[in-house]
Amino acid sequence: MSDLFNTSTADVPTGPRPLADRLRPKALGEVIGQEQVLGPDAPLGIMLASGSLSSLIFWGPPGVGKTTIARLLADETDLHFVQISAIFTGVPDLRKVFEAAKMRRQNGKGTLLFVDEIHRFNKAQQDGFLPYMEDGTILLVGATTENPSFELNAAVLSRSQVLILTRLDLGDLERLMQRAEKDLGRMLPLTPDARDALMEMADGDGRALLNLIEQVSAWKVTDKIDRTGLTKRLMKRAAKYDKSGEEHYNLISALHKSVRGSDPDAALYWFARMLEGGEDPRFLARRIVRMAVEDIGLADPQAQAVCLQSWETYERLGSPEGELALSQAVVYLALAPKSNANYVAYKAARNAAKQFGSEPPPTHILNAPTKLMKEQGFGAGYAYDHDAEDGFSGQNYFPETMKRPIFYAPVDRGFERDLKKRVEFFAGLRAKRAKT
């Protein structure tokens, strides 16, 4: 019986093959990059040395070797390699794959099932892998560009080891370019600066680099092409960004933390990255205001107003002119004095409200609009602060059964220096009034 999705290389194609296919590594030792998973002391290196390979989830961006490594693992462990894509595979196809793997197992042959874009399978489809993983019918190797913590079932994750594959650095891309030139039998017609530009265009994607190299190698030129000539001939690869996915949250986190860390240059970089990726400037405007109230707070009360004004300016001007106003707010926030004292106080107050949520206010601060309420003592003993010495009565405003907490503790930075003095002043008066 022939196997569904059989990837046997017995029938070697005789027609033209893309450069990326010709340079596909034939052994794990030929893989460029990913030392953090393939090295002798790395997870895969240890698994292979011990002869015990578990189910795996490869998490990483496109073009870093997920499919190649999976295929080579099958070769190293003498497992039959089957590749499917979650995009094109339905439940009937999966059943056929599992049945073929069962028959193969009965004949003494194991199966490494590589599932590309595994996060595209729904929960029920992912659950379908479990019995075959548990009884050893398949060794699952899934590949995903999305965070497995969010996209994969806990049951699948508990039976697999997640390995993170990273984008190729410039050194890795240079080695890949040299390997391509060896296969082509000639150097690329590029100046050193243009070579760097070509690698930058690939943006850490090895497959993208090889595709670009294939284009450059086909050019009929007599002189070497410089960076300017290269950028005229080739379009830069679009920046990796998903407005609703992992990258969206990663970059807004980077922007927020750069602002919190008082680094205007880094903050502007992440702000620009998000805009270049197509992010909605209004989302950025909302988050910038949030940064002002969370991380600057009352250390600079003007910060919130600056952000709101920048947002209003953007709404009047639109893109791209209004984006400059938002960048101005980003710089202002990064350089502003920082305090999360109000944020901490707010969260503490919310927790206290949950804990003492049924306690009534003390009777002396309750209004008494009716005779009955006055007879019940509502409002009795209330001290009108404006009539008190220093305009401060020092009365208790918390529930009578609740011990007075301290929520707001201003920092000694920016405007909160003055607020700290005021807090301490009123605390001293309150203690003094309590003794009298």
Protein backbone atom coordinates (compact mmCIF):
# COMPACT_ATOMS: atom_id res chain seq x y z
CA MET A 1 0.00 0.00 0.00
CA SER A 2 1.37 3.42 -0.95
CA ASP A 3 1.66 6.00 1.79
CA LEU A 4 -0.33 9.18 1.78
CA PHE A 5 1.96 12.21 1.73
CA ASN A 6 4.94 10.01 0.96
CA THR A 7 8.04 12.17 0.86
CA SER A 8 10.45 9.51 -0.32
CA THR A 9 13.35 10.91 -2.35
CA ALA A 10 13.77 7.80 -4.42
CA ASP A 11 12.53 9.63 -7.50
CA VAL A 12 14.99 12.49 -7.75
CA PRO A 13 13.63 15.32 -9.88
CA THR A 14 15.60 15.90 -13.07
CA GLY A 15 14.19 19.32 -13.96
CA PRO A 16 15.32 22.74 -12.70
CA ARG A 17 15.45 23.03 -8.92
CA PRO A 18 15.37 26.26 -6.91
CA LEU A 19 18.56 27.22 -5.13
CA ALA A 20 16.90 26.80 -1.73
CA ASP A 21 16.04 23.21 -2.62
CA ARG A 22 19.52 22.43 -3.98
CA LEU A 23 21.17 23.75 -0.83
CA ARG A 24 18.90 21.95 1.60
CA PRO A 25 21.22 20.31 4.21
CA LYS A 26 21.64 16.55 3.97
CA ALA A 27 22.77 16.15 7.59
CA LEU A 28 22.13 17.99 10.83
CA GLY A 29 25.79 19.05 10.90
CA GLU A 30 25.19 21.08 7.74
CA VAL A 31 22.39 23.17 9.25
CA ILE A 32 23.41 26.81 9.60
CA GLY A 33 22.44 28.45 12.89
CA GLN A 34 20.20 27.05 15.66
CA GLU A 35 23.10 25.98 17.86
CA GLN A 36 20.85 26.53 20.86
CA VAL A 37 18.89 23.40 19.89
CA LEU A 38 21.34 21.43 17.75
CA GLY A 39 24.60 21.79 19.70
CA PRO A 40 26.10 18.81 21.59
CA ASP A 41 24.82 20.16 24.90
CA ALA A 42 21.54 21.46 23.43
CA PRO A 43 18.20 19.58 23.70
CA LEU A 44 18.25 17.89 20.29
CA GLY A 45 21.94 17.09 20.52
CA ILE A 46 21.38 15.35 23.87
CA MET A 47 18.28 13.49 22.61
CA LEU A 48 20.10 12.16 19.57
CA ALA A 49 23.17 11.18 21.59
CA SER A 50 20.99 9.24 24.02
CA GLY A 51 18.92 7.68 21.22
CA SER A 52 15.69 8.91 22.77
CA LEU A 53 13.72 11.42 20.70
CA SER A 54 10.48 12.86 22.09
CA SER A 55 7.66 14.70 20.34
CA LEU A 56 8.67 18.27 19.56
CA ILE A 57 7.18 21.65 18.76
CA PHE A 58 9.43 23.98 16.75
CA TRP A 59 8.52 27.60 17.40
CA GLY A 60 10.17 30.22 15.24
CA PRO A 61 9.84 32.64 12.32
CA PRO A 62 9.72 31.50 8.66
CA GLY A 63 12.87 30.40 6.89
CA VAL A 64 14.96 29.29 9.87
CA GLY A 65 15.03 25.54 9.17
CA LYS A 66 12.02 24.00 10.93
CA THR A 67 11.08 21.67 8.06
CA THR A 68 14.70 20.81 7.25
CA ILE A 69 15.57 19.89 10.83
CA ALA A 70 12.46 17.72 11.12
CA ARG A 71 13.35 15.85 7.93
CA LEU A 72 16.93 15.29 9.07
CA LEU A 73 15.76 14.08 12.48
CA ALA A 74 13.79 11.37 10.72
CA ASP A 75 16.93 10.34 8.84
CA GLU A 76 19.03 10.33 12.01
CA THR A 77 16.53 8.16 13.89
CA ASP A 78 15.55 5.88 10.99
CA LEU A 79 11.93 6.99 11.12
CA HIS A 80 9.68 7.28 8.09
CA PHE A 81 9.16 10.99 7.38
CA VAL A 82 5.64 12.19 6.63
CA GLN A 83 4.91 15.86 6.12
CA ILE A 84 1.48 17.49 6.20
CA SER A 85 0.27 21.07 6.43
CA ALA A 86 -2.51 22.07 8.79
CA ILE A 87 -3.72 24.49 6.13
CA PHE A 88 -4.53 21.79 3.56
CA THR A 89 -5.20 18.73 5.72
CA GLY A 90 -8.67 17.82 6.94
CA VAL A 91 -9.90 15.13 9.34
CA PRO A 92 -10.27 12.43 6.61
CA ASP A 93 -6.66 13.05 5.54
CA LEU A 94 -5.46 12.78 9.13
CA ARG A 95 -7.23 9.44 9.52
CA LYS A 96 -5.40 8.13 6.47
CA VAL A 97 -2.09 9.35 7.86
CA PHE A 98 -2.70 7.62 11.20
CA GLU A 99 -3.83 4.38 9.54
CA ALA A 100 -0.73 4.32 7.35
CA ALA A 101 1.43 4.95 10.44
CA LYS A 102 -0.29 2.04 12.24
CA MET A 103 0.46 -0.33 9.37
CA ARG A 104 4.02 0.92 9.23
CA ARG A 105 4.41 0.30 12.96
CA GLN A 106 3.11 -3.27 12.59
CA ASN A 107 5.87 -3.80 10.06
CA GLY A 108 8.48 -2.55 12.51
CA LYS A 109 8.88 0.99 11.13
CA GLY A 110 8.21 4.14 13.11
CA THR A 111 6.80 7.39 11.73
CA LEU A 112 7.91 10.96 12.30
CA LEU A 113 4.89 13.09 11.44
CA PHE A 114 5.85 16.68 10.67
CA VAL A 115 2.91 19.07 10.90
CA ASP A 116 3.59 22.47 9.41
CA GLU A 117 1.58 25.39 10.81
CA ILE A 118 0.20 23.11 13.51
CA HIS A 119 -1.47 26.05 15.25
CA ARG A 120 -3.96 26.15 12.34
CA PHE A 121 -5.58 22.94 13.60
CA ASN A 122 -8.53 23.50 15.91
CA LYS A 123 -8.81 21.98 19.39
CA ALA A 124 -10.62 18.84 18.23
CA GLN A 125 -8.07 18.20 15.49
CA GLN A 126 -5.19 18.69 17.92
CA ASP A 127 -6.84 16.27 20.36
CA GLY A 128 -6.88 13.70 17.56
CA PHE A 129 -3.09 13.40 17.73
CA LEU A 130 -3.02 12.41 21.41
CA PRO A 131 -3.78 8.65 21.28
CA TYR A 132 -1.29 8.12 18.48
CA MET A 133 1.40 10.08 20.32
CA GLU A 134 0.77 8.13 23.53
CA ASP A 135 0.94 4.64 21.99
CA GLY A 136 3.99 5.48 19.88
CA THR A 137 2.27 5.23 16.49
CA ILE A 138 3.73 8.62 15.57
CA LEU A 139 6.45 10.88 16.84
CA LEU A 140 4.97 14.32 16.37
CA VAL A 141 7.09 17.26 15.27
CA GLY A 142 4.98 20.38 14.92
CA ALA A 143 6.09 23.71 13.46
CA THR A 144 4.50 27.03 14.33
CA THR A 145 5.23 30.71 13.94
CA GLU A 146 2.81 31.54 16.76
CA ASN A 147 3.27 31.28 20.52
CA PRO A 148 2.48 27.64 21.41
CA SER A 149 1.28 28.72 24.86
CA PHE A 150 -1.66 30.49 23.24
CA GLU A 151 -2.26 28.43 20.12
CA LEU A 152 -1.76 24.77 21.12
CA ASN A 153 -3.70 22.54 23.48
CA ALA A 154 -2.25 22.00 26.91
CA ALA A 155 -2.52 18.24 26.34
CA VAL A 156 -0.36 18.41 23.20
CA LEU A 157 2.14 20.69 24.91
CA SER A 158 2.40 18.39 27.94
CA ARG A 159 3.46 15.54 25.65
CA SER A 160 5.96 17.60 23.66
CA GLN A 161 9.08 19.64 24.18
CA VAL A 162 8.95 23.16 22.78
CA LEU A 163 12.17 24.24 21.05
CA ILE A 164 12.62 27.85 19.98
CA LEU A 165 14.30 28.44 16.62
CA THR A 166 15.64 31.95 16.11
CA ARG A 167 16.07 34.16 13.06
CA LEU A 168 19.47 33.84 11.40
CA ASP A 169 22.00 36.50 12.31
CA LEU A 170 24.27 38.25 9.80
CA GLY A 171 27.06 35.73 10.38
CA ASP A 172 24.71 32.83 9.59
CA LEU A 173 23.42 34.60 6.49
CA GLU A 174 26.98 35.25 5.28
CA ARG A 175 27.81 31.54 5.61
CA LEU A 176 24.63 30.72 3.70
CA MET A 177 25.58 33.20 0.97
CA GLN A 178 29.04 31.65 0.64
CA ARG A 179 27.48 28.20 0.35
CA ALA A 180 25.19 29.51 -2.40
CA GLU A 181 28.10 31.07 -4.28
CA LYS A 182 29.96 27.76 -4.13
CA ASP A 183 26.94 26.01 -5.64
CA LEU A 184 26.62 28.68 -8.33
CA GLY A 185 30.33 28.48 -9.09
CA ARG A 186 30.83 32.25 -8.93
CA MET A 187 30.70 35.24 -6.61
CA LEU A 188 27.70 37.49 -6.66
CA PRO A 189 28.27 40.75 -8.59
CA LEU A 190 27.95 42.88 -5.46
CA THR A 191 30.15 45.32 -3.58
CA PRO A 192 30.79 44.48 0.11
CA ASP A 193 28.24 47.10 1.16
CA ALA A 194 25.68 45.65 -1.26
CA ARG A 195 26.28 42.16 0.17
CA ASP A 196 25.41 43.53 3.60
CA ALA A 197 22.31 45.19 2.15
CA LEU A 198 21.20 41.91 0.57
CA MET A 199 21.46 40.13 3.91
CA GLU A 200 19.55 42.94 5.61
CA MET A 201 16.77 42.54 3.04
CA ALA A 202 16.39 38.88 4.04
CA ASP A 203 15.60 39.96 7.62
CA GLY A 204 16.90 36.77 9.23
CA ASP A 205 15.05 34.45 6.80
CA GLY A 206 17.44 31.97 5.17
CA ARG A 207 14.96 30.90 2.49
CA ALA A 208 14.29 34.54 1.59
CA LEU A 209 18.03 35.16 1.26
CA LEU A 210 18.48 32.24 -1.11
CA ASN A 211 15.59 33.46 -3.25
CA LEU A 212 17.17 36.91 -3.40
CA ILE A 213 20.55 35.39 -4.29
CA GLU A 214 18.93 33.44 -7.10
CA GLN A 215 17.52 36.67 -8.52
CA VAL A 216 20.85 38.51 -8.26
CA SER A 217 22.80 35.65 -9.84
CA ALA A 218 20.60 35.84 -12.94
CA TRP A 219 21.40 39.50 -13.63
CA LYS A 220 23.53 40.25 -16.71
CA VAL A 221 25.92 42.89 -15.39
CA THR A 222 29.56 43.76 -16.12
CA ASP A 223 30.40 45.76 -12.99
CA LYS A 224 29.68 45.10 -9.34
CA ILE A 225 26.43 46.58 -8.07
CA ASP A 226 26.51 48.88 -5.04
CA ARG A 227 23.90 49.27 -2.31
CA THR A 228 21.98 51.96 -4.19
CA GLY A 229 21.83 49.87 -7.36
CA LEU A 230 20.73 46.82 -5.39
CA THR A 231 17.88 48.61 -3.63
CA LYS A 232 16.65 49.92 -6.98
CA ARG A 233 16.54 46.42 -8.42
CA LEU A 234 15.14 44.57 -5.38
CA MET A 235 12.27 45.31 -3.03
CA LYS A 236 13.02 45.08 0.67
CA ARG A 237 11.29 42.19 2.41
CA ALA A 238 8.26 43.36 4.38
CA ALA A 239 8.87 43.60 8.09
CA LYS A 240 7.55 40.68 10.12
CA TYR A 241 4.47 41.96 11.89
CA ASP A 242 1.01 40.66 12.65
CA LYS A 243 -1.34 43.34 13.95
CA SER A 244 -3.44 40.77 15.79
CA GLY A 245 -0.84 38.19 16.69
CA GLU A 246 2.27 37.55 18.73
CA GLU A 247 4.39 40.24 17.13
CA HIS A 248 1.78 42.87 17.94
CA TYR A 249 2.02 42.14 21.66
CA ASN A 250 5.79 41.74 21.60
CA LEU A 251 6.38 45.13 20.04
CA ILE A 252 3.91 47.08 22.16
CA SER A 253 5.56 45.48 25.20
CA ALA A 254 8.96 46.60 23.90
CA LEU A 255 7.66 50.14 23.35
CA HIS A 256 6.05 50.36 26.79
CA LYS A 257 9.12 49.04 28.60
CA SER A 258 11.45 51.35 26.66
CA VAL A 259 9.34 54.31 27.80
CA ARG A 260 9.34 52.99 31.37
CA GLY A 261 13.11 52.59 31.12
CA SER A 262 13.52 56.27 30.09
CA ASP A 263 15.11 55.40 26.72
CA PRO A 264 13.64 57.74 24.08
CA ASP A 265 15.71 56.27 21.23
CA ALA A 266 14.56 52.69 21.88
CA ALA A 267 10.99 53.90 22.40
CA LEU A 268 11.02 55.71 19.05
CA TYR A 269 12.48 52.62 17.35
CA TRP A 270 9.68 50.31 18.55
CA PHE A 271 7.09 52.99 17.82
CA ALA A 272 8.42 53.25 14.26
CA ARG A 273 8.58 49.44 13.90
CA MET A 274 4.89 49.19 14.68
CA LEU A 275 3.97 51.95 12.25
CA GLU A 276 6.08 50.36 9.52
CA GLY A 277 4.30 47.08 10.18
CA GLY A 278 0.95 48.74 9.52
CA GLU A 279 -0.23 49.22 13.12
CA ASP A 280 -3.25 51.47 13.65
CA PRO A 281 -1.89 54.80 15.03
CA ARG A 282 -5.02 55.12 17.17
CA PHE A 283 -4.08 51.91 19.00
CA LEU A 284 -0.68 53.46 19.68
CA ALA A 285 -2.32 56.70 20.84
CA ARG A 286 -4.45 54.78 23.36
CA ARG A 287 -1.47 52.84 24.67
CA ILE A 288 0.63 56.00 24.96
CA VAL A 289 -2.02 57.58 27.19
CA ARG A 290 -2.05 54.39 29.25
CA MET A 291 1.74 54.66 29.68
CA ALA A 292 1.30 58.20 30.96
CA VAL A 293 -1.13 57.22 33.70
CA GLU A 294 0.59 53.92 34.59
CA ASP A 295 4.28 54.80 34.61
CA ILE A 296 4.54 58.58 34.85
CA GLY A 297 1.44 59.26 36.91
CA LEU A 298 1.53 62.23 39.24
CA ALA A 299 5.30 62.56 38.95
CA ASP A 300 4.42 64.67 35.91
CA PRO A 301 0.68 65.44 35.74
CA GLN A 302 1.29 67.25 32.45
CA ALA A 303 2.26 63.99 30.72
CA GLN A 304 -1.32 62.81 30.36
CA ALA A 305 -2.33 66.16 28.85
CA VAL A 306 0.58 66.00 26.37
CA CYS A 307 -0.55 62.52 25.24
CA LEU A 308 -4.18 63.57 24.84
CA GLN A 309 -3.13 66.66 22.88
CA SER A 310 -0.94 64.52 20.62
CA TRP A 311 -3.84 62.15 20.05
CA GLU A 312 -6.12 65.09 19.22
CA THR A 313 -3.49 66.44 16.82
CA TYR A 314 -3.31 63.06 15.10
CA GLU A 315 -7.10 63.01 14.70
CA ARG A 316 -6.97 66.44 13.06
CA LEU A 317 -4.03 65.75 10.77
CA GLY A 318 -4.30 62.01 10.12
CA SER A 319 -1.44 59.92 8.75
CA PRO A 320 1.39 60.44 8.14
CA GLU A 321 1.57 64.03 9.45
CA GLY A 322 -0.19 63.31 12.73
CA GLU A 323 2.16 60.44 13.56
CA LEU A 324 4.83 63.02 14.36
CA ALA A 325 2.67 64.31 17.22
CA LEU A 326 2.43 60.79 18.65
CA SER A 327 6.21 60.37 18.42
CA GLN A 328 6.56 63.64 20.34
CA ALA A 329 4.43 62.19 23.14
CA VAL A 330 6.59 59.03 23.14
CA VAL A 331 9.76 61.09 23.65
CA TYR A 332 8.10 63.22 26.35
CA LEU A 333 7.02 60.13 28.29
CA ALA A 334 10.41 58.47 28.01
CA LEU A 335 12.13 61.52 29.51
CA ALA A 336 9.47 62.30 32.13
CA PRO A 337 10.00 61.44 35.83
CA LYS A 338 8.48 58.04 36.56
CA SER A 339 6.10 56.94 39.29
CA ASN A 340 3.67 54.04 39.53
CA ALA A 341 2.59 55.07 43.04
CA ASN A 342 -0.95 55.87 41.95
CA TYR A 343 -1.15 52.61 39.98
CA VAL A 344 -0.05 50.63 43.01
CA ALA A 345 -2.46 52.56 45.22
CA TYR A 346 -5.33 51.95 42.79
CA LYS A 347 -4.74 48.19 42.73
CA ALA A 348 -4.44 48.06 46.51
CA ALA A 349 -7.67 50.03 46.89
CA ARG A 350 -9.47 47.66 44.50
CA ASN A 351 -8.29 44.68 46.52
CA ALA A 352 -9.44 46.32 49.75
CA ALA A 353 -12.80 47.10 48.16
CA LYS A 354 -13.22 43.42 47.34
CA GLN A 355 -12.25 42.39 50.86
CA PHE A 356 -14.41 44.95 52.69
CA GLY A 357 -17.01 45.45 49.99
CA SER A 358 -20.04 45.36 52.27
CA GLU A 359 -18.84 47.70 55.01
CA PRO A 360 -20.92 50.92 55.28
CA PRO A 361 -19.31 54.35 55.58
CA PRO A 362 -19.02 55.70 59.13
CA THR A 363 -22.28 57.33 60.18
CA HIS A 364 -20.77 60.78 60.73
CA ILE A 365 -20.10 61.23 56.99
CA LEU A 366 -23.53 60.04 55.87
CA ASN A 367 -26.06 62.62 54.72
CA ALA A 368 -29.31 62.94 56.67
CA PRO A 369 -31.93 64.43 54.37
CA THR A 370 -34.85 63.04 56.45
CA LYS A 371 -35.85 63.36 60.09
CA LEU A 372 -35.67 59.59 60.58
CA MET A 373 -32.09 59.52 59.35
CA LYS A 374 -31.14 62.34 61.69
CA GLU A 375 -32.73 60.41 64.57
CA GLN A 376 -30.63 57.39 63.59
CA GLY A 377 -27.49 59.46 64.01
CA PHE A 378 -26.67 59.97 60.34
CA GLY A 379 -24.27 62.89 60.01
CA ALA A 380 -23.92 63.30 63.79
CA GLY A 381 -20.48 64.50 64.77
CA TYR A 382 -19.33 65.42 61.29
CA ALA A 383 -16.58 68.04 61.37
CA TYR A 384 -16.70 70.52 58.49
CA ASP A 385 -13.07 70.67 57.35
CA HIS A 386 -13.24 74.30 56.23
CA ASP A 387 -14.11 75.32 59.77
CA ALA A 388 -11.26 73.32 61.31
CA GLU A 389 -7.75 74.56 62.06
CA ASP A 390 -5.57 74.35 58.90
CA GLY A 391 -8.71 73.39 56.98
CA PHE A 392 -8.23 69.80 58.13
CA SER A 393 -10.37 67.93 60.67
CA GLY A 394 -8.44 64.65 60.71
CA GLN A 395 -11.63 62.60 60.98
CA ASN A 396 -11.85 58.96 59.92
CA TYR A 397 -13.42 58.35 56.51
CA PHE A 398 -12.94 54.58 56.34
CA PRO A 399 -15.51 52.02 57.56
CA GLU A 400 -15.46 51.91 61.37
CA THR A 401 -14.57 48.19 61.41
CA MET A 402 -11.68 48.61 58.97
CA LYS A 403 -8.12 49.37 60.08
CA ARG A 404 -6.82 52.43 58.26
CA PRO A 405 -4.60 51.31 55.35
CA ILE A 406 -2.01 53.25 53.35
CA PHE A 407 -2.51 52.94 49.60
CA TYR A 408 -0.76 55.94 48.11
CA ALA A 409 2.97 56.26 48.77
CA PRO A 410 4.35 58.98 46.46
CA VAL A 411 7.93 58.70 45.25
CA ASP A 412 10.62 61.30 45.69
CA ARG A 413 10.66 62.20 41.97
CA GLY A 414 9.13 64.99 39.90
CA PHE A 415 5.94 66.60 41.11
CA GLU A 416 5.36 63.73 43.54
CA ARG A 417 8.09 65.23 45.74
CA ASP A 418 5.57 67.95 46.57
CA LEU A 419 2.75 65.44 46.93
CA LYS A 420 4.89 63.39 49.31
CA LYS A 421 5.35 66.45 51.52
CA ARG A 422 1.58 66.99 51.52
CA VAL A 423 0.89 63.35 52.41
CA GLU A 424 3.36 63.54 55.28
CA PHE A 425 1.93 66.88 56.43
CA PHE A 426 -1.64 65.56 56.59
CA ALA A 427 -0.50 62.32 58.23
CA GLY A 428 1.17 64.37 60.95
CA LEU A 429 -1.93 66.50 61.48
CA ARG A 430 -4.14 63.40 61.55
CA ALA A 431 -1.98 61.84 64.25
CA LYS A 432 -2.04 65.11 66.21
CA ARG A 433 -5.85 65.41 65.95
CA ALA A 434 -6.28 61.80 67.06
CA LYS A 435 -4.50 62.56 70.38
CA THR A 436 -6.76 65.47 71.21
